[in-house]
Protein backbone atom coordinates (compact mmCIF):
# COMPACT_ATOMS: atom_id res chain seq x y z
CA MET A 1 2.56 -6.60 -19.72
CA LYS A 2 4.19 -4.83 -16.73
CA VAL A 3 3.42 -7.30 -13.19
CA VAL A 4 4.14 -6.46 -9.84
CA ALA A 5 4.26 -9.33 -7.42
CA LYS A 6 4.42 -8.73 -3.59
CA ILE A 7 5.32 -11.61 -1.06
CA GLY A 8 4.93 -11.47 2.31
CA SER A 9 6.80 -13.06 5.39
CA SER A 10 4.71 -15.29 6.38
CA SER A 11 5.13 -16.67 2.36
CA LEU A 12 8.69 -16.63 2.37
CA THR A 13 9.82 -17.78 5.86
CA THR A 14 10.34 -21.22 8.04
CA VAL A 15 8.76 -21.62 11.00
CA ASN A 16 11.99 -20.89 12.62
CA GLY A 17 11.94 -17.67 10.85
CA GLU A 18 14.33 -17.66 8.46
CA ILE A 19 14.49 -17.63 4.39
CA ASP A 20 12.61 -20.49 3.04
CA HIS A 21 14.96 -21.45 -0.02
CA SER A 22 11.84 -23.37 -1.94
CA ALA A 23 9.60 -20.77 -1.64
CA VAL A 24 12.03 -17.82 -3.20
CA ALA A 25 12.71 -20.81 -5.95
CA LYS A 26 9.35 -21.20 -6.73
CA LEU A 27 8.51 -17.54 -6.95
CA CYS A 28 11.78 -16.55 -9.16
CA SER A 29 10.88 -19.61 -11.44
CA GLU A 30 7.77 -18.19 -11.99
CA VAL A 31 8.77 -14.76 -12.69
CA ALA A 32 11.22 -16.09 -15.34
CA GLU A 33 8.38 -18.20 -16.74
CA LEU A 34 6.40 -14.60 -17.16
CA MET A 35 9.82 -12.70 -18.47
CA ARG A 36 10.21 -15.26 -21.38
CA ALA A 37 6.34 -14.82 -22.72
CA GLY A 38 7.86 -11.39 -22.97
CA ASP A 39 5.80 -9.62 -19.32
CA GLN A 40 8.30 -7.46 -17.36
CA VAL A 41 8.03 -8.13 -13.84
CA VAL A 42 9.07 -6.25 -10.03
CA ILE A 43 9.46 -8.23 -7.20
CA VAL A 44 8.13 -6.67 -3.84
CA THR A 45 9.20 -8.73 -1.29
CA SER A 46 8.96 -8.79 2.87
CA ALA A 47 11.04 -10.66 5.14
CA ALA A 48 14.28 -8.37 5.74
CA ILE A 49 13.65 -7.77 9.03
CA SER A 50 12.63 -11.53 9.89
CA ALA A 51 16.03 -12.78 8.27
CA GLY A 52 18.00 -10.00 10.24
CA LEU A 53 16.65 -11.38 14.02
CA GLY A 54 18.48 -14.24 14.90
CA PRO A 55 22.15 -12.91 14.60
CA LEU A 56 20.72 -10.39 16.84
CA GLY A 57 19.92 -13.13 19.20
CA PHE A 58 16.19 -12.83 18.91
CA GLY A 59 13.81 -15.67 17.81
CA LEU A 60 10.46 -15.60 15.71
CA HIS A 61 8.63 -15.36 19.21
CA ASP A 62 10.22 -12.55 21.09
CA ARG A 63 10.96 -9.71 18.21
CA PRO A 64 12.10 -6.96 19.55
CA LYS A 65 9.67 -3.25 20.17
CA GLU A 66 12.79 -1.55 19.57
CA PRO A 67 12.83 1.15 16.63
CA GLU A 68 16.83 0.72 16.57
CA LEU A 69 16.88 -2.38 16.85
CA LEU A 70 14.21 -3.47 13.81
CA ARG A 71 16.19 -0.97 11.56
CA ALA A 72 19.54 -2.96 12.89
CA ALA A 73 17.52 -6.57 11.75
CA SER A 74 16.54 -5.05 8.40
CA ALA A 75 20.14 -3.79 8.17
CA ILE A 76 21.68 -7.43 8.18
CA GLY A 77 18.11 -8.87 7.18
CA GLN A 78 18.83 -7.25 3.76
CA ILE A 79 21.55 -8.65 2.52
CA VAL A 80 20.33 -12.19 3.46
CA LEU A 81 17.07 -11.73 1.11
CA MET A 82 18.85 -10.62 -1.83
CA ALA A 83 21.35 -12.72 -1.63
CA THR A 84 18.99 -15.26 -1.76
CA TYR A 85 16.64 -13.89 -4.64
CA ARG A 86 20.12 -13.25 -6.54
CA GLY A 87 20.84 -16.66 -6.43
CA HIS A 88 17.42 -18.00 -7.45
CA LEU A 89 16.98 -15.33 -10.20
CA ALA A 90 20.65 -16.39 -11.78
CA SER A 91 19.71 -20.02 -11.97
CA ASN A 92 17.05 -19.23 -13.89
CA GLY A 93 19.21 -16.65 -16.49
CA LEU A 94 17.95 -13.62 -14.69
CA ILE A 95 19.63 -10.69 -13.33
CA ALA A 96 18.34 -8.83 -9.84
CA GLY A 97 18.53 -5.59 -9.34
CA GLN A 98 18.22 -4.28 -5.78
CA VAL A 99 15.62 -0.82 -4.86
CA LEU A 100 15.08 0.29 -1.54
CA LEU A 101 12.32 2.74 -1.35
CA ALA A 102 10.97 5.85 1.38
CA PRO A 103 7.79 7.37 0.93
CA THR A 104 9.73 10.49 -0.24
CA ASP A 105 10.79 8.58 -3.33
CA LEU A 106 7.12 8.07 -4.40
CA TRP A 107 5.38 11.64 -3.42
CA ASN A 108 7.96 13.98 -3.86
CA ARG A 109 7.88 14.52 -7.43
CA LYS A 110 11.42 15.44 -8.62
CA ARG A 111 12.19 11.79 -6.27
CA TYR A 112 9.29 10.18 -8.29
CA LEU A 113 10.35 10.86 -11.57
CA LYS A 114 14.24 9.48 -10.75
CA SER A 115 12.43 6.62 -9.05
CA ARG A 116 10.60 5.68 -12.09
CA GLY A 117 13.46 6.25 -14.29
CA THR A 118 15.20 3.72 -12.03
CA PHE A 119 12.60 1.55 -13.02
CA GLU A 120 12.26 2.24 -16.47
CA ALA A 121 16.25 1.34 -16.92
CA LEU A 122 16.08 -1.93 -15.13
CA LEU A 123 12.91 -3.52 -17.17
CA ALA A 124 13.81 -2.13 -20.46
CA ARG A 125 17.60 -4.14 -20.00
CA GLY A 126 15.44 -7.33 -18.67
CA ILE A 127 16.41 -6.92 -14.70
CA VAL A 128 14.41 -7.32 -12.28
CA PRO A 129 13.54 -5.12 -9.73
CA VAL A 130 13.39 -6.58 -6.26
CA VAL A 131 11.77 -3.77 -4.06
CA ASN A 132 11.83 -3.63 -0.26
CA GLU A 133 11.39 -0.60 2.19
CA ASN A 134 14.49 1.21 3.24
CA ASP A 135 14.16 -0.22 6.94
CA ALA A 136 17.34 0.01 7.92
CA VAL A 137 17.00 4.09 7.97
CA ALA A 138 13.14 4.47 7.69
CA ASP A 139 11.22 7.20 9.94
CA ASP A 140 9.19 5.98 12.00
CA GLU A 141 6.89 8.77 11.57
CA ILE A 142 6.91 8.72 7.77
CA ARG A 143 6.74 5.04 6.33
CA PHE A 144 5.07 2.67 4.03
CA GLY A 145 3.77 0.92 6.92
CA ASP A 146 3.86 -2.33 5.33
CA ASN A 147 4.62 -3.84 1.43
CA ASP A 148 1.04 -4.07 0.28
CA ARG A 149 1.28 -0.48 0.00
CA LEU A 150 4.50 -0.30 -1.46
CA ALA A 151 3.37 -2.71 -3.84
CA ALA A 152 0.70 -0.83 -5.11
CA LEU A 153 2.78 2.55 -5.22
CA VAL A 154 4.79 0.87 -7.40
CA ALA A 155 2.38 -0.64 -9.27
CA HIS A 156 0.89 2.93 -9.99
CA LEU A 157 4.98 4.48 -10.70
CA ILE A 158 5.69 1.49 -13.44
CA ASP A 159 2.03 2.13 -14.88
CA ALA A 160 1.74 -1.76 -14.15
CA ASP A 161 -1.50 -4.02 -15.86
CA ARG A 162 -1.62 -5.84 -12.59
CA LEU A 163 -1.07 -6.77 -9.47
CA VAL A 164 -0.50 -9.73 -7.78
CA LEU A 165 -0.25 -9.92 -3.76
CA LEU A 166 1.14 -13.47 -2.70
CA THR A 167 -0.12 -14.36 0.35
CA ASP A 168 -0.39 -17.50 3.17
CA THR A 169 -4.72 -17.29 2.03
CA ALA A 170 -6.23 -17.80 -1.02
CA GLY A 171 -7.75 -14.51 -1.21
CA VAL A 172 -10.83 -12.82 0.72
CA PHE A 173 -13.71 -15.36 1.93
CA THR A 174 -17.45 -14.77 2.57
CA GLY A 175 -15.98 -15.91 5.84
CA ASP A 176 -13.09 -16.60 7.81
CA PRO A 177 -11.73 -20.27 6.51
CA ARG A 178 -10.41 -21.08 10.01
CA SER A 179 -13.43 -21.07 11.89
CA ASP A 180 -16.93 -21.21 8.98
CA ALA A 181 -16.67 -24.38 7.02
CA ASN A 182 -18.84 -22.53 5.02
CA ALA A 183 -16.83 -19.65 3.70
CA SER A 184 -16.39 -19.54 0.14
CA LEU A 185 -13.62 -17.65 -1.59
CA ILE A 186 -14.73 -14.60 -3.55
CA GLU A 187 -13.44 -14.72 -6.73
CA GLU A 188 -14.23 -11.58 -8.36
CA ILE A 189 -14.99 -7.62 -6.07
CA ALA A 190 -15.96 -5.04 -8.79
CA GLU A 191 -16.00 -2.53 -5.72
CA ILE A 192 -14.24 -1.98 -2.40
CA ASP A 193 -16.87 -0.43 0.07
CA GLN A 194 -17.02 0.24 3.61
CA ARG A 195 -18.79 -3.08 4.22
CA LEU A 196 -16.21 -5.17 2.68
CA GLU A 197 -13.17 -3.25 4.88
CA ALA A 198 -15.25 -3.76 8.31
CA ALA A 199 -15.77 -7.39 7.18
CA VAL A 200 -11.99 -7.99 6.62
CA GLY A 201 -10.22 -8.21 10.56
CA GLY A 202 -6.74 -7.71 11.31
CA PRO A 203 -3.13 -8.94 10.64
CA GLY A 204 -3.42 -12.77 10.54
CA SER A 205 0.22 -13.54 11.17
CA THR A 206 2.44 -12.45 13.64
CA ILE A 207 5.60 -12.93 11.23
CA GLY A 208 4.81 -9.76 8.66
CA SER A 209 3.07 -6.56 9.40
CA GLY A 210 0.29 -7.14 6.88
CA GLY A 211 -2.54 -8.78 6.94
CA MET A 212 -6.10 -9.61 4.86
CA ALA A 213 -6.82 -5.64 6.25
CA SER A 214 -4.11 -4.01 4.34
CA LYS A 215 -3.94 -5.92 1.51
CA LEU A 216 -7.29 -4.87 0.91
CA ALA A 217 -6.09 -1.31 1.34
CA ALA A 218 -3.21 -2.09 -1.47
CA ALA A 219 -6.45 -3.58 -3.67
CA LYS A 220 -8.44 -0.33 -3.10
CA MET A 221 -4.64 1.80 -4.30
CA ALA A 222 -4.44 -0.04 -7.00
CA SER A 223 -7.71 0.01 -8.20
CA TRP A 224 -7.54 3.91 -7.76
CA SER A 225 -4.56 3.94 -10.35
CA GLY A 226 -5.89 2.13 -12.89
CA VAL A 227 -4.27 -1.51 -11.84
CA GLU A 228 -5.98 -4.78 -11.72
CA THR A 229 -5.31 -6.78 -8.45
CA THR A 230 -5.15 -10.49 -7.52
CA ILE A 231 -4.77 -11.52 -3.99
CA ALA A 232 -3.87 -15.49 -4.26
CA GLN A 233 -1.79 -18.03 -2.24
CA SER A 234 1.62 -18.57 -2.91
CA GLU A 235 1.77 -21.87 -2.34
CA ARG A 236 -0.74 -22.79 -5.24
CA PRO A 237 1.27 -23.89 -8.07
CA ASN A 238 2.09 -21.63 -10.66
CA VAL A 239 0.19 -19.28 -8.90
CA LEU A 240 2.18 -15.68 -10.28
CA VAL A 241 1.37 -16.92 -14.09
CA GLU A 242 -1.85 -18.20 -13.87
CA ALA A 243 -2.78 -14.95 -11.70
CA VAL A 244 -1.42 -12.72 -14.78
CA ALA A 245 -3.41 -15.28 -17.43
CA LYS A 246 -6.40 -14.09 -15.45
CA GLY A 247 -7.01 -18.03 -14.41
CA LYS A 248 -10.57 -18.51 -12.65
CA GLY A 249 -9.95 -19.17 -9.24
CA VAL A 250 -6.82 -18.59 -8.89
CA GLY A 251 -7.43 -15.67 -6.11
CA THR A 252 -9.59 -12.77 -5.55
CA VAL A 253 -9.77 -10.15 -8.36
CA PHE A 254 -10.55 -6.88 -7.95
CA ARG A 255 -11.22 -4.67 -11.01
CA SER A 256 -9.59 -1.76 -11.79
CA ARG A 257 -11.28 1.96 -11.65
CA SER A 258 -11.08 3.95 -15.26
CA GLU A 259 -10.07 6.63 -13.67
CA ARG A 260 -6.43 7.40 -12.17
CA LEU A 261 -5.41 8.90 -9.24
CA PRO A 262 -1.71 10.83 -9.35
CA ALA A 263 0.61 9.73 -7.18
CA ARG A 264 0.56 12.17 -4.21
CA LYS A 265 -2.99 12.11 -4.46
CA LEU A 266 -2.76 8.17 -3.87
CA TRP A 267 -0.70 8.78 -0.93
CA ILE A 268 -3.00 11.39 0.63
CA ALA A 269 -5.96 9.33 -0.20
CA PHE A 270 -4.72 5.88 1.37
CA ALA A 271 -1.40 5.71 2.41
CA SER A 272 -1.28 8.84 4.70
CA PRO A 273 -2.96 8.10 8.60
CA SER A 274 -5.76 10.34 9.28
CA SER A 275 -4.90 12.44 12.15
CA GLY A 276 -8.77 13.73 12.63
CA ARG A 277 -11.86 15.02 11.38
CA ILE A 278 -13.72 17.96 9.75
CA VAL A 279 -17.25 18.13 9.95
CA VAL A 280 -19.06 19.82 6.88
CA ASP A 281 -22.39 21.15 6.10
CA PRO A 282 -24.55 19.58 3.38
CA GLY A 283 -23.44 22.52 0.87
CA ALA A 284 -19.51 22.03 1.40
CA ARG A 285 -19.99 18.34 0.68
CA GLU A 286 -22.17 18.98 -2.64
CA ALA A 287 -19.16 21.54 -3.28
CA LEU A 288 -16.30 19.48 -2.87
CA GLU A 289 -17.71 16.45 -4.72
CA HIS A 290 -19.61 17.82 -7.72
CA ARG A 291 -17.81 21.23 -8.14
CA GLN A 292 -13.99 20.56 -7.67
CA LYS A 293 -14.11 23.46 -4.79
CA SER A 294 -11.64 23.71 -1.78
CA LEU A 295 -13.36 23.15 1.62
CA LEU A 296 -13.77 26.65 3.36
CA SER A 297 -14.19 28.10 6.64
CA ALA A 298 -18.18 28.51 6.20
CA GLY A 299 -18.66 25.19 5.19
CA VAL A 300 -17.18 23.69 8.31
CA VAL A 301 -19.37 22.78 11.14
CA LYS A 302 -16.39 21.13 13.59
CA ALA A 303 -13.27 19.70 13.98
CA GLU A 304 -12.60 16.26 15.58
CA GLY A 305 -9.71 15.40 17.19
CA GLU A 306 -6.51 17.38 17.61
CA PHE A 307 -4.10 17.91 14.69
CA VAL A 308 -1.64 20.53 12.87
CA ALA A 309 -1.51 21.95 9.66
CA GLU A 310 -0.40 19.86 6.88
CA ASP A 311 -2.22 16.51 8.62
CA ALA A 312 -4.12 13.97 6.59
CA VAL A 313 -7.62 14.34 7.57
CA GLU A 314 -10.88 12.70 7.19
CA LEU A 315 -14.12 15.23 5.91
CA VAL A 316 -17.01 13.68 6.59
CA ASP A 317 -20.97 14.98 6.68
CA THR A 318 -23.46 15.70 9.70
CA ASN A 319 -24.54 11.68 9.37
CA GLY A 320 -20.86 10.97 9.92
CA VAL A 321 -19.99 9.54 6.50
CA VAL A 322 -16.39 9.77 5.25
CA PHE A 323 -16.74 11.25 1.47
CA ALA A 324 -13.06 12.41 1.24
CA LYS A 325 -10.23 12.90 2.59
CA GLY A 326 -6.86 15.62 2.31
CA LEU A 327 -4.29 17.61 4.14
CA THR A 328 -5.64 20.55 6.39
CA ARG A 329 -3.75 24.12 5.72
CA TRP A 330 -5.46 24.49 9.62
CA PRO A 331 -4.74 23.43 12.99
CA SER A 332 -7.98 21.82 14.42
CA ALA A 333 -8.00 24.10 17.42
CA LEU A 334 -8.35 27.29 14.67
CA ILE A 335 -10.65 25.06 12.57
CA SER A 336 -13.23 24.80 15.42
CA ALA A 337 -12.58 28.76 16.41
CA ASN A 338 -13.10 29.63 13.17
CA ALA A 339 -16.19 27.12 12.11
CA GLY A 340 -18.74 28.46 9.82
CA ILE A 341 -17.39 31.98 9.43
CA ARG A 342 -17.06 33.34 5.66
CA SER A 343 -13.49 33.92 4.64
CA ASP A 344 -13.83 37.54 4.39
CA ARG A 345 -14.38 37.76 7.98
CA LEU A 346 -11.32 35.66 8.73
CA ASP A 347 -8.15 37.43 10.47
CA GLU A 348 -5.81 38.62 8.48
CA GLY A 349 -2.88 36.25 7.72
CA LEU A 350 -5.17 32.95 7.51
CA PRO A 351 -5.04 30.76 4.58
CA PRO A 352 -8.20 31.01 2.74
CA GLU A 353 -8.51 27.38 2.09
CA VAL A 354 -8.70 25.14 5.32
CA VAL A 355 -8.59 22.36 2.80
CA HIS A 356 -7.27 22.74 -0.66
CA ARG A 357 -7.91 21.33 -3.52
CA ASP A 358 -5.03 20.04 -4.52
CA ASP A 359 -4.51 18.25 -1.31
CA LEU A 360 -8.12 16.67 -1.26
CA VAL A 361 -9.21 13.56 -2.74
CA VAL A 362 -13.09 12.84 -3.17
CA LEU A 363 -13.52 8.76 -1.68
CA SER A 364 -17.24 8.75 -2.60
C-alpha cells in the first residue's frame, strides 16, 4: 500500500516554536512499522518556517509578514527540519530523501512526469521521501498555500491508496469541541458538501498556514483522486499505523470517489483560487454538466468580479449555485460586453470558447 502522511506545524513544534524531536521520532517510528509491513510511505512535513524564525531573531508570536523574511526563515529552517528527519529515520534503519516541490512541478505535464519518476525511484529502493513546498524560492502568486493541499496532490501523483492528515485535533466533530461539550467525532464522511464546508471554521493555530478548512479541502481533492483520507490526532499512540489499517475511531475517514481527475484538472478545481464568477443560463449549465460542452458566450448571463484571461473562475447558475470551475479564455470586461451573443456574431479574433472543456471541471 502507498501511504502519504502529512503532519502540520502545530504537531511538530514546541511551545517555543522549535522542532519537537519527540513528535518527529514518534512519526518516524510509525513510518518504519508500516514499511516493515511492506507499505511505501511518503511524509509531507510543515514547520520549516517555524524552525527558521529563531535564528532570524523572531519569536513564535512575532512572526514577520514580509515574504522575503519568511522565505529566508524557510531556507534556514529547512536544513534543521530535514536533519531532524534524517536522524530519526536513520535510527529506524531508514534513509530520508528530501523533495521540495513547487506548483509547476505538479501541473506542468513534463515536470509532473519527472516528479513522479523521482518518487518512484525513491520508493522502489525503500527510501522515505520527505516533502515540503519549496518556500525559500516560492512565488507569492503561485504556491500551494498550505501543505494539506500539497499532500493531496502528492497522493494523486504517486497513486496513493491512503492519505493521512495528522493534526492537533482528533478529526471532524459535530461542533467545536473547545466550546461544545456535546460535540462528537464524525467517524466517516461519504461526501463533502457545501454545508459541511460552511460549518468548518478557519485556521485553528497561529503556528501553521492550515486549519480544518484546508484539511477538508485536501480530503476533497484526494477523494476526487480516488484516494481515501483520514484526519487524525498526531499525538494518538500508533495513529498512523491504525489509520492505515482502518482502525475504527482513529479519526474522520473520507471515502474516495470512483472517478479520478487528472492532475491539471485537480489543480483547477481545488487548488487554484477563484478570481471571479461567470453566471450562466440554464441551457448552458445543462450543456456543461451533461453534454461535456465548452462554455460559449451565448450561454453567459454576466461576469462577476474583475479577472483576466487564464484566471480560475467559478461557474454559477442564475440562483448563484456553484456547479463548475475553470480557466477563462476571456477577461471579465469582454465577457460582460458579449454576454448572450452567439459565437458567429462575435468580433473576429476572439476565441470561440469563454471556458474550454479542457479547462473545466464540473463539481456538482
